[in-house]
Amino acid sequence: RGIDAIDRITAACAAFFKRIGCSPFI
């Protein structure tokens, strides 16, 4: 907790892995 924009960071990571054909989950 307490990390600035952690939701946007997480979403960007998930989007990257989906873009290269992976199946990410949290």
mmCIF file of all heavy atoms, coordinates in Angstrom:
data_MODEL
# 
_entry.id   MODEL 
# 
loop_
_atom_site.group_PDB 
_atom_site.id 
_atom_site.type_symbol 
_atom_site.label_atom_id 
_atom_site.label_alt_id 
_atom_site.label_comp_id 
_atom_site.label_asym_id 
_atom_site.label_entity_id 
_atom_site.label_seq_id 
_atom_site.pdbx_PDB_ins_code 
_atom_site.Cartn_x 
_atom_site.Cartn_y 
_atom_site.Cartn_z 
_atom_site.occupancy 
_atom_site.B_iso_or_equiv 
_atom_site.pdbx_formal_charge 
_atom_site.auth_seq_id 
_atom_site.auth_comp_id 
_atom_site.auth_asym_id 
_atom_site.auth_atom_id 
_atom_site.pdbx_PDB_model_num 
ATOM 1   N N   . ARG A 1 1  ? 0.822  -1.201  0.000   1.00 0.00 ? 1  ARG A N   1 
ATOM 2   C CA  . ARG A 1 1  ? 0.000  0.000   0.000   1.00 0.00 ? 1  ARG A CA  1 
ATOM 3   C C   . ARG A 1 1  ? 0.859  1.256   0.000   1.00 0.00 ? 1  ARG A C   1 
ATOM 4   O O   . ARG A 1 1  ? 2.043  1.222   0.291   1.00 0.00 ? 1  ARG A O   1 
ATOM 5   C CB  . ARG A 1 1  ? -0.925 -0.023  1.214   1.00 0.00 ? 1  ARG A CB  1 
ATOM 6   C CG  . ARG A 1 1  ? -2.001 -1.079  1.097   1.00 0.00 ? 1  ARG A CG  1 
ATOM 7   C CD  . ARG A 1 1  ? -3.038 -0.953  2.168   1.00 0.00 ? 1  ARG A CD  1 
ATOM 8   N NE  . ARG A 1 1  ? -2.701 -1.709  3.352   1.00 0.00 ? 1  ARG A NE  1 
ATOM 9   C CZ  . ARG A 1 1  ? -3.537 -1.904  4.363   1.00 0.00 ? 1  ARG A CZ  1 
ATOM 10  N NH1 . ARG A 1 1  ? -4.743 -1.400  4.322   1.00 0.00 ? 1  ARG A NH1 1 
ATOM 11  N NH2 . ARG A 1 1  ? -3.177 -2.603  5.423   1.00 0.00 ? 1  ARG A NH2 1 
ATOM 12  N N   . GLY A 1 2  ? 0.223  2.364   -0.325  1.00 0.00 ? 2  GLY A N   1 
ATOM 13  C CA  . GLY A 1 2  ? 0.909  3.639   -0.268  1.00 0.00 ? 2  GLY A CA  1 
ATOM 14  C C   . GLY A 1 2  ? 1.764  3.932   -1.480  1.00 0.00 ? 2  GLY A C   1 
ATOM 15  O O   . GLY A 1 2  ? 2.522  4.903   -1.484  1.00 0.00 ? 2  GLY A O   1 
ATOM 16  N N   . ILE A 1 3  ? 1.668  3.112   -2.540  1.00 0.00 ? 3  ILE A N   1 
ATOM 17  C CA  . ILE A 1 3  ? 2.463  3.351   -3.747  1.00 0.00 ? 3  ILE A CA  1 
ATOM 18  C C   . ILE A 1 3  ? 1.633  4.177   -4.718  1.00 0.00 ? 3  ILE A C   1 
ATOM 19  O O   . ILE A 1 3  ? 0.530  3.778   -5.111  1.00 0.00 ? 3  ILE A O   1 
ATOM 20  C CB  . ILE A 1 3  ? 2.890  2.027   -4.410  1.00 0.00 ? 3  ILE A CB  1 
ATOM 21  C CG1 . ILE A 1 3  ? 3.713  1.182   -3.438  1.00 0.00 ? 3  ILE A CG1 1 
ATOM 22  C CG2 . ILE A 1 3  ? 3.698  2.303   -5.674  1.00 0.00 ? 3  ILE A CG2 1 
ATOM 23  C CD1 . ILE A 1 3  ? 4.096  -0.182  -3.979  1.00 0.00 ? 3  ILE A CD1 1 
ATOM 24  N N   . ASP A 1 4  ? 2.166  5.298   -5.102  1.00 0.00 ? 4  ASP A N   1 
ATOM 25  C CA  . ASP A 1 4  ? 1.493  6.194   -6.028  1.00 0.00 ? 4  ASP A CA  1 
ATOM 26  C C   . ASP A 1 4  ? 1.154  5.470   -7.331  1.00 0.00 ? 4  ASP A C   1 
ATOM 27  O O   . ASP A 1 4  ? 2.006  4.812   -7.926  1.00 0.00 ? 4  ASP A O   1 
ATOM 28  C CB  . ASP A 1 4  ? 2.406  7.389   -6.309  1.00 0.00 ? 4  ASP A CB  1 
ATOM 29  C CG  . ASP A 1 4  ? 1.790  8.406   -7.246  1.00 0.00 ? 4  ASP A CG  1 
ATOM 30  O OD1 . ASP A 1 4  ? 0.570  8.624   -7.172  1.00 0.00 ? 4  ASP A OD1 1 
ATOM 31  O OD2 . ASP A 1 4  ? 2.548  8.989   -8.048  1.00 0.00 ? 4  ASP A OD2 1 
ATOM 32  N N   . ALA A 1 5  ? -0.105 5.567   -7.775  1.00 0.00 ? 5  ALA A N   1 
ATOM 33  C CA  . ALA A 1 5  ? -0.556 5.035   -9.067  1.00 0.00 ? 5  ALA A CA  1 
ATOM 34  C C   . ALA A 1 5  ? -0.297 3.545   -9.230  1.00 0.00 ? 5  ALA A C   1 
ATOM 35  O O   . ALA A 1 5  ? -0.103 3.058   -10.341 1.00 0.00 ? 5  ALA A O   1 
ATOM 36  C CB  . ALA A 1 5  ? 0.100  5.806   -10.211 1.00 0.00 ? 5  ALA A CB  1 
ATOM 37  N N   . ILE A 1 6  ? -0.345 2.780   -8.127  1.00 0.00 ? 6  ILE A N   1 
ATOM 38  C CA  . ILE A 1 6  ? -0.068 1.343   -8.241  1.00 0.00 ? 6  ILE A CA  1 
ATOM 39  C C   . ILE A 1 6  ? -1.110 0.647   -9.115  1.00 0.00 ? 6  ILE A C   1 
ATOM 40  O O   . ILE A 1 6  ? -0.808 -0.357  -9.767  1.00 0.00 ? 6  ILE A O   1 
ATOM 41  C CB  . ILE A 1 6  ? -0.002 0.692   -6.839  1.00 0.00 ? 6  ILE A CB  1 
ATOM 42  C CG1 . ILE A 1 6  ? 0.454  -0.762  -6.931  1.00 0.00 ? 6  ILE A CG1 1 
ATOM 43  C CG2 . ILE A 1 6  ? -1.335 0.816   -6.111  1.00 0.00 ? 6  ILE A CG2 1 
ATOM 44  C CD1 . ILE A 1 6  ? 1.824  -0.966  -7.542  1.00 0.00 ? 6  ILE A CD1 1 
ATOM 45  N N   . ASP A 1 7  ? -2.329 1.183   -9.162  1.00 0.00 ? 7  ASP A N   1 
ATOM 46  C CA  . ASP A 1 7  ? -3.347 0.579   -10.035 1.00 0.00 ? 7  ASP A CA  1 
ATOM 47  C C   . ASP A 1 7  ? -2.972 0.744   -11.508 1.00 0.00 ? 7  ASP A C   1 
ATOM 48  O O   . ASP A 1 7  ? -3.083 -0.199  -12.301 1.00 0.00 ? 7  ASP A O   1 
ATOM 49  C CB  . ASP A 1 7  ? -4.726 1.178   -9.757  1.00 0.00 ? 7  ASP A CB  1 
ATOM 50  C CG  . ASP A 1 7  ? -4.757 2.702   -9.823  1.00 0.00 ? 7  ASP A CG  1 
ATOM 51  O OD1 . ASP A 1 7  ? -3.677 3.341   -9.752  1.00 0.00 ? 7  ASP A OD1 1 
ATOM 52  O OD2 . ASP A 1 7  ? -5.868 3.258   -9.936  1.00 0.00 ? 7  ASP A OD2 1 
ATOM 53  N N   . ARG A 1 8  ? -2.474 1.934   -11.877 1.00 0.00 ? 8  ARG A N   1 
ATOM 54  C CA  . ARG A 1 8  ? -2.074 2.153   -13.272 1.00 0.00 ? 8  ARG A CA  1 
ATOM 55  C C   . ARG A 1 8  ? -0.822 1.356   -13.631 1.00 0.00 ? 8  ARG A C   1 
ATOM 56  O O   . ARG A 1 8  ? -0.684 0.863   -14.755 1.00 0.00 ? 8  ARG A O   1 
ATOM 57  C CB  . ARG A 1 8  ? -1.841 3.646   -13.513 1.00 0.00 ? 8  ARG A CB  1 
ATOM 58  C CG  . ARG A 1 8  ? -3.141 4.461   -13.580 1.00 0.00 ? 8  ARG A CG  1 
ATOM 59  C CD  . ARG A 1 8  ? -2.852 5.902   -13.953 1.00 0.00 ? 8  ARG A CD  1 
ATOM 60  N NE  . ARG A 1 8  ? -2.307 6.645   -12.820 1.00 0.00 ? 8  ARG A NE  1 
ATOM 61  C CZ  . ARG A 1 8  ? -1.526 7.708   -12.930 1.00 0.00 ? 8  ARG A CZ  1 
ATOM 62  N NH1 . ARG A 1 8  ? -1.161 8.138   -14.132 1.00 0.00 ? 8  ARG A NH1 1 
ATOM 63  N NH2 . ARG A 1 8  ? -1.093 8.352   -11.863 1.00 0.00 ? 8  ARG A NH2 1 
ATOM 64  N N   . ILE A 1 9  ? 0.073  1.221   -12.672 1.00 0.00 ? 9  ILE A N   1 
ATOM 65  C CA  . ILE A 1 9  ? 1.278  0.424   -12.907 1.00 0.00 ? 9  ILE A CA  1 
ATOM 66  C C   . ILE A 1 9  ? 0.905  -1.034  -13.135 1.00 0.00 ? 9  ILE A C   1 
ATOM 67  O O   . ILE A 1 9  ? 1.386  -1.689  -14.067 1.00 0.00 ? 9  ILE A O   1 
ATOM 68  C CB  . ILE A 1 9  ? 2.244  0.550   -11.713 1.00 0.00 ? 9  ILE A CB  1 
ATOM 69  C CG1 . ILE A 1 9  ? 2.783  1.977   -11.608 1.00 0.00 ? 9  ILE A CG1 1 
ATOM 70  C CG2 . ILE A 1 9  ? 3.402  -0.439  -11.839 1.00 0.00 ? 9  ILE A CG2 1 
ATOM 71  C CD1 . ILE A 1 9  ? 3.593  2.231   -10.351 1.00 0.00 ? 9  ILE A CD1 1 
ATOM 72  N N   . THR A 1 10 ? 0.029  -1.553  -12.286 1.00 0.00 ? 10 THR A N   1 
ATOM 73  C CA  . THR A 1 10 ? -0.397 -2.948  -12.405 1.00 0.00 ? 10 THR A CA  1 
ATOM 74  C C   . THR A 1 10 ? -1.130 -3.183  -13.721 1.00 0.00 ? 10 THR A C   1 
ATOM 75  O O   . THR A 1 10 ? -0.908 -4.189  -14.405 1.00 0.00 ? 10 THR A O   1 
ATOM 76  C CB  . THR A 1 10 ? -1.296 -3.332  -11.221 1.00 0.00 ? 10 THR A CB  1 
ATOM 77  O OG1 . THR A 1 10 ? -0.602 -3.073  -9.989  1.00 0.00 ? 10 THR A OG1 1 
ATOM 78  C CG2 . THR A 1 10 ? -1.680 -4.804  -11.269 1.00 0.00 ? 10 THR A CG2 1 
ATOM 79  N N   . ALA A 1 11 ? -1.998 -2.250  -14.080 1.00 0.00 ? 11 ALA A N   1 
ATOM 80  C CA  . ALA A 1 11 ? -2.743 -2.380  -15.339 1.00 0.00 ? 11 ALA A CA  1 
ATOM 81  C C   . ALA A 1 11 ? -1.792 -2.369  -16.534 1.00 0.00 ? 11 ALA A C   1 
ATOM 82  O O   . ALA A 1 11 ? -1.971 -3.126  -17.497 1.00 0.00 ? 11 ALA A O   1 
ATOM 83  C CB  . ALA A 1 11 ? -3.765 -1.253  -15.464 1.00 0.00 ? 11 ALA A CB  1 
ATOM 84  N N   . ALA A 1 12 ? -0.765 -1.518  -16.469 1.00 0.00 ? 12 ALA A N   1 
ATOM 85  C CA  . ALA A 1 12 ? 0.200  -1.443  -17.568 1.00 0.00 ? 12 ALA A CA  1 
ATOM 86  C C   . ALA A 1 12 ? 1.006  -2.732  -17.680 1.00 0.00 ? 12 ALA A C   1 
ATOM 87  O O   . ALA A 1 12 ? 1.316  -3.195  -18.783 1.00 0.00 ? 12 ALA A O   1 
ATOM 88  C CB  . ALA A 1 12 ? 1.128  -0.249  -17.366 1.00 0.00 ? 12 ALA A CB  1 
ATOM 89  N N   . CYS A 1 13 ? 1.349  -3.334  -16.546 1.00 0.00 ? 13 CYS A N   1 
ATOM 90  C CA  . CYS A 1 13 ? 2.054  -4.626  -16.565 1.00 0.00 ? 13 CYS A CA  1 
ATOM 91  C C   . CYS A 1 13 ? 1.172  -5.706  -17.178 1.00 0.00 ? 13 CYS A C   1 
ATOM 92  O O   . CYS A 1 13 ? 1.618  -6.494  -18.033 1.00 0.00 ? 13 CYS A O   1 
ATOM 93  C CB  . CYS A 1 13 ? 2.460  -5.029  -15.152 1.00 0.00 ? 13 CYS A CB  1 
ATOM 94  S SG  . CYS A 1 13 ? 3.832  -4.107  -14.461 1.00 0.00 ? 13 CYS A SG  1 
ATOM 95  N N   . ALA A 1 14 ? -0.079 -5.769  -16.735 1.00 0.00 ? 14 ALA A N   1 
ATOM 96  C CA  . ALA A 1 14 ? -1.001 -6.775  -17.264 1.00 0.00 ? 14 ALA A CA  1 
ATOM 97  C C   . ALA A 1 14 ? -1.182 -6.596  -18.765 1.00 0.00 ? 14 ALA A C   1 
ATOM 98  O O   . ALA A 1 14 ? -1.181 -7.579  -19.529 1.00 0.00 ? 14 ALA A O   1 
ATOM 99  C CB  . ALA A 1 14 ? -2.344 -6.679  -16.538 1.00 0.00 ? 14 ALA A CB  1 
ATOM 100 N N   . ALA A 1 15 ? -1.327 -5.343  -19.207 1.00 0.00 ? 15 ALA A N   1 
ATOM 101 C CA  . ALA A 1 15 ? -1.520 -5.070  -20.638 1.00 0.00 ? 15 ALA A CA  1 
ATOM 102 C C   . ALA A 1 15 ? -0.294 -5.498  -21.440 1.00 0.00 ? 15 ALA A C   1 
ATOM 103 O O   . ALA A 1 15 ? -0.426 -6.054  -22.546 1.00 0.00 ? 15 ALA A O   1 
ATOM 104 C CB  . ALA A 1 15 ? -1.804 -3.582  -20.843 1.00 0.00 ? 15 ALA A CB  1 
ATOM 105 N N   . PHE A 1 16 ? 0.900  -5.264  -20.909 1.00 0.00 ? 16 PHE A N   1 
ATOM 106 C CA  . PHE A 1 16 ? 2.117  -5.651  -21.624 1.00 0.00 ? 16 PHE A CA  1 
ATOM 107 C C   . PHE A 1 16 ? 2.172  -7.163  -21.817 1.00 0.00 ? 16 PHE A C   1 
ATOM 108 O O   . PHE A 1 16 ? 2.444  -7.649  -22.922 1.00 0.00 ? 16 PHE A O   1 
ATOM 109 C CB  . PHE A 1 16 ? 3.351  -5.182  -20.843 1.00 0.00 ? 16 PHE A CB  1 
ATOM 110 C CG  . PHE A 1 16 ? 4.643  -5.698  -21.417 1.00 0.00 ? 16 PHE A CG  1 
ATOM 111 C CD1 . PHE A 1 16 ? 5.268  -5.036  -22.467 1.00 0.00 ? 16 PHE A CD1 1 
ATOM 112 C CD2 . PHE A 1 16 ? 5.226  -6.860  -20.917 1.00 0.00 ? 16 PHE A CD2 1 
ATOM 113 C CE1 . PHE A 1 16 ? 6.454  -5.524  -23.011 1.00 0.00 ? 16 PHE A CE1 1 
ATOM 114 C CE2 . PHE A 1 16 ? 6.406  -7.358  -21.451 1.00 0.00 ? 16 PHE A CE2 1 
ATOM 115 C CZ  . PHE A 1 16 ? 7.024  -6.680  -22.494 1.00 0.00 ? 16 PHE A CZ  1 
ATOM 116 N N   . PHE A 1 17 ? 1.923  -7.903  -20.747 1.00 0.00 ? 17 PHE A N   1 
ATOM 117 C CA  . PHE A 1 17 ? 2.018  -9.363  -20.866 1.00 0.00 ? 17 PHE A CA  1 
ATOM 118 C C   . PHE A 1 17 ? 0.936  -9.929  -21.777 1.00 0.00 ? 17 PHE A C   1 
ATOM 119 O O   . PHE A 1 17 ? 1.180  -10.891 -22.521 1.00 0.00 ? 17 PHE A O   1 
ATOM 120 C CB  . PHE A 1 17 ? 1.983  -10.006 -19.480 1.00 0.00 ? 17 PHE A CB  1 
ATOM 121 C CG  . PHE A 1 17 ? 3.277  -9.855  -18.722 1.00 0.00 ? 17 PHE A CG  1 
ATOM 122 C CD1 . PHE A 1 17 ? 3.336  -9.131  -17.543 1.00 0.00 ? 17 PHE A CD1 1 
ATOM 123 C CD2 . PHE A 1 17 ? 4.441  -10.424 -19.209 1.00 0.00 ? 17 PHE A CD2 1 
ATOM 124 C CE1 . PHE A 1 17 ? 4.531  -8.979  -16.864 1.00 0.00 ? 17 PHE A CE1 1 
ATOM 125 C CE2 . PHE A 1 17 ? 5.648  -10.275 -18.537 1.00 0.00 ? 17 PHE A CE2 1 
ATOM 126 C CZ  . PHE A 1 17 ? 5.692  -9.554  -17.358 1.00 0.00 ? 17 PHE A CZ  1 
ATOM 127 N N   . LYS A 1 18 ? -0.239 -9.335  -21.761 1.00 0.00 ? 18 LYS A N   1 
ATOM 128 C CA  . LYS A 1 18 ? -1.270 -9.787  -22.696 1.00 0.00 ? 18 LYS A CA  1 
ATOM 129 C C   . LYS A 1 18 ? -0.866 -9.481  -24.132 1.00 0.00 ? 18 LYS A C   1 
ATOM 130 O O   . LYS A 1 18 ? -1.107 -10.281 -25.049 1.00 0.00 ? 18 LYS A O   1 
ATOM 131 C CB  . LYS A 1 18 ? -2.618 -9.128  -22.363 1.00 0.00 ? 18 LYS A CB  1 
ATOM 132 C CG  . LYS A 1 18 ? -3.260 -9.697  -21.100 1.00 0.00 ? 18 LYS A CG  1 
ATOM 133 C CD  . LYS A 1 18 ? -4.726 -9.348  -20.963 1.00 0.00 ? 18 LYS A CD  1 
ATOM 134 C CE  . LYS A 1 18 ? -4.949 -7.903  -20.640 1.00 0.00 ? 18 LYS A CE  1 
ATOM 135 N NZ  . LYS A 1 18 ? -6.392 -7.615  -20.384 1.00 0.00 ? 18 LYS A NZ  1 
ATOM 136 N N   . ARG A 1 19 ? -0.221 -8.350  -24.318 1.00 0.00 ? 19 ARG A N   1 
ATOM 137 C CA  . ARG A 1 19 ? 0.192  -7.937  -25.664 1.00 0.00 ? 19 ARG A CA  1 
ATOM 138 C C   . ARG A 1 19 ? 1.232  -8.889  -26.263 1.00 0.00 ? 19 ARG A C   1 
ATOM 139 O O   . ARG A 1 19 ? 1.276  -9.094  -27.477 1.00 0.00 ? 19 ARG A O   1 
ATOM 140 C CB  . ARG A 1 19 ? 0.740  -6.507  -25.616 1.00 0.00 ? 19 ARG A CB  1 
ATOM 141 C CG  . ARG A 1 19 ? 0.969  -5.886  -26.982 1.00 0.00 ? 19 ARG A CG  1 
ATOM 142 C CD  . ARG A 1 19 ? 1.086  -4.370  -26.903 1.00 0.00 ? 19 ARG A CD  1 
ATOM 143 N NE  . ARG A 1 19 ? 2.139  -3.922  -26.016 1.00 0.00 ? 19 ARG A NE  1 
ATOM 144 C CZ  . ARG A 1 19 ? 1.935  -3.316  -24.851 1.00 0.00 ? 19 ARG A CZ  1 
ATOM 145 N NH1 . ARG A 1 19 ? 0.708  -3.076  -24.420 1.00 0.00 ? 19 ARG A NH1 1 
ATOM 146 N NH2 . ARG A 1 19 ? 2.949  -2.934  -24.103 1.00 0.00 ? 19 ARG A NH2 1 
ATOM 147 N N   . ILE A 1 20 ? 2.080  -9.498  -25.428 1.00 0.00 ? 20 ILE A N   1 
ATOM 148 C CA  . ILE A 1 20 ? 3.083  -10.422 -25.962 1.00 0.00 ? 20 ILE A CA  1 
ATOM 149 C C   . ILE A 1 20 ? 2.606  -11.871 -25.921 1.00 0.00 ? 20 ILE A C   1 
ATOM 150 O O   . ILE A 1 20 ? 3.392  -12.803 -26.108 1.00 0.00 ? 20 ILE A O   1 
ATOM 151 C CB  . ILE A 1 20 ? 4.436  -10.282 -25.238 1.00 0.00 ? 20 ILE A CB  1 
ATOM 152 C CG1 . ILE A 1 20 ? 4.331  -10.673 -23.755 1.00 0.00 ? 20 ILE A CG1 1 
ATOM 153 C CG2 . ILE A 1 20 ? 4.983  -8.861  -25.377 1.00 0.00 ? 20 ILE A CG2 1 
ATOM 154 C CD1 . ILE A 1 20 ? 5.687  -10.715 -23.025 1.00 0.00 ? 20 ILE A CD1 1 
ATOM 155 N N   . GLY A 1 21 ? 1.297  -12.041 -25.663 1.00 0.00 ? 21 GLY A N   1 
ATOM 156 C CA  . GLY A 1 21 ? 0.702  -13.368 -25.777 1.00 0.00 ? 21 GLY A CA  1 
ATOM 157 C C   . GLY A 1 21 ? 0.638  -14.176 -24.500 1.00 0.00 ? 21 GLY A C   1 
ATOM 158 O O   . GLY A 1 21 ? 0.318  -15.373 -24.544 1.00 0.00 ? 21 GLY A O   1 
ATOM 159 N N   . CYS A 1 22 ? 0.929  -13.567 -23.360 1.00 0.00 ? 22 CYS A N   1 
ATOM 160 C CA  . CYS A 1 22 ? 0.880  -14.289 -22.080 1.00 0.00 ? 22 CYS A CA  1 
ATOM 161 C C   . CYS A 1 22 ? -0.501 -14.164 -21.446 1.00 0.00 ? 22 CYS A C   1 
ATOM 162 O O   . CYS A 1 22 ? -1.349 -13.380 -21.900 1.00 0.00 ? 22 CYS A O   1 
ATOM 163 C CB  . CYS A 1 22 ? 1.938  -13.744 -21.122 1.00 0.00 ? 22 CYS A CB  1 
ATOM 164 S SG  . CYS A 1 22 ? 3.629  -13.943 -21.697 1.00 0.00 ? 22 CYS A SG  1 
ATOM 165 N N   . SER A 1 23 ? -0.716 -14.934 -20.391 1.00 0.00 ? 23 SER A N   1 
ATOM 166 C CA  . SER A 1 23 ? -1.985 -14.896 -19.650 1.00 0.00 ? 23 SER A CA  1 
ATOM 167 C C   . SER A 1 23 ? -1.692 -14.489 -18.203 1.00 0.00 ? 23 SER A C   1 
ATOM 168 O O   . SER A 1 23 ? -1.454 -15.345 -17.339 1.00 0.00 ? 23 SER A O   1 
ATOM 169 C CB  . SER A 1 23 ? -2.672 -16.262 -19.683 1.00 0.00 ? 23 SER A CB  1 
ATOM 170 O OG  . SER A 1 23 ? -3.005 -16.626 -21.000 1.00 0.00 ? 23 SER A OG  1 
ATOM 171 N N   . PRO A 1 24 ? -1.674 -13.186 -17.917 1.00 0.00 ? 24 PRO A N   1 
ATOM 172 C CA  . PRO A 1 24 ? -1.361 -12.730 -16.555 1.00 0.00 ? 24 PRO A CA  1 
ATOM 173 C C   . PRO A 1 24 ? -2.570 -12.808 -15.619 1.00 0.00 ? 24 PRO A C   1 
ATOM 174 O O   . PRO A 1 24 ? -3.723 -12.751 -16.050 1.00 0.00 ? 24 PRO A O   1 
ATOM 175 C CB  . PRO A 1 24 ? -0.948 -11.279 -16.765 1.00 0.00 ? 24 PRO A CB  1 
ATOM 176 C CG  . PRO A 1 24 ? -1.733 -10.844 -17.968 1.00 0.00 ? 24 PRO A CG  1 
ATOM 177 C CD  . PRO A 1 24 ? -1.836 -12.064 -18.858 1.00 0.00 ? 24 PRO A CD  1 
ATOM 178 N N   . PHE A 1 25 ? -2.278 -12.976 -14.350 1.00 0.00 ? 25 PHE A N   1 
ATOM 179 C CA  . PHE A 1 25 ? -3.301 -12.848 -13.307 1.00 0.00 ? 25 PHE A CA  1 
ATOM 180 C C   . PHE A 1 25 ? -2.612 -12.280 -12.066 1.00 0.00 ? 25 PHE A C   1 
ATOM 181 O O   . PHE A 1 25 ? -1.382 -12.265 -11.973 1.00 0.00 ? 25 PHE A O   1 
ATOM 182 C CB  . PHE A 1 25 ? -3.994 -14.174 -13.009 1.00 0.00 ? 25 PHE A CB  1 
ATOM 183 C CG  . PHE A 1 25 ? -3.093 -15.266 -12.483 1.00 0.00 ? 25 PHE A CG  1 
ATOM 184 C CD1 . PHE A 1 25 ? -2.902 -15.449 -11.126 1.00 0.00 ? 25 PHE A CD1 1 
ATOM 185 C CD2 . PHE A 1 25 ? -2.453 -16.127 -13.367 1.00 0.00 ? 25 PHE A CD2 1 
ATOM 186 C CE1 . PHE A 1 25 ? -2.073 -16.455 -10.640 1.00 0.00 ? 25 PHE A CE1 1 
ATOM 187 C CE2 . PHE A 1 25 ? -1.625 -17.145 -12.899 1.00 0.00 ? 25 PHE A CE2 1 
ATOM 188 C CZ  . PHE A 1 25 ? -1.429 -17.313 -11.525 1.00 0.00 ? 25 PHE A CZ  1 
ATOM 189 N N   . ILE A 1 26 ? -3.403 -11.794 -11.135 1.00 0.00 ? 26 ILE A N   1 
ATOM 190 C CA  . ILE A 1 26 ? -2.866 -11.102 -9.961  1.00 0.00 ? 26 ILE A CA  1 
ATOM 191 C C   . ILE A 1 26 ? -2.923 -12.008 -8.738  1.00 0.00 ? 26 ILE A C   1 
ATOM 192 O O   . ILE A 1 26 ? -3.939 -12.668 -8.483  1.00 0.00 ? 26 ILE A O   1 
ATOM 193 C CB  . ILE A 1 26 ? -3.653 -9.805  -9.702  1.00 0.00 ? 26 ILE A CB  1 
ATOM 194 C CG1 . ILE A 1 26 ? -3.380 -8.807  -10.825 1.00 0.00 ? 26 ILE A CG1 1 
ATOM 195 C CG2 . ILE A 1 26 ? -3.275 -9.194  -8.348  1.00 0.00 ? 26 ILE A CG2 1 
ATOM 196 C CD1 . ILE A 1 26 ? -4.320 -7.637  -10.844 1.00 0.00 ? 26 ILE A CD1 1 
# 
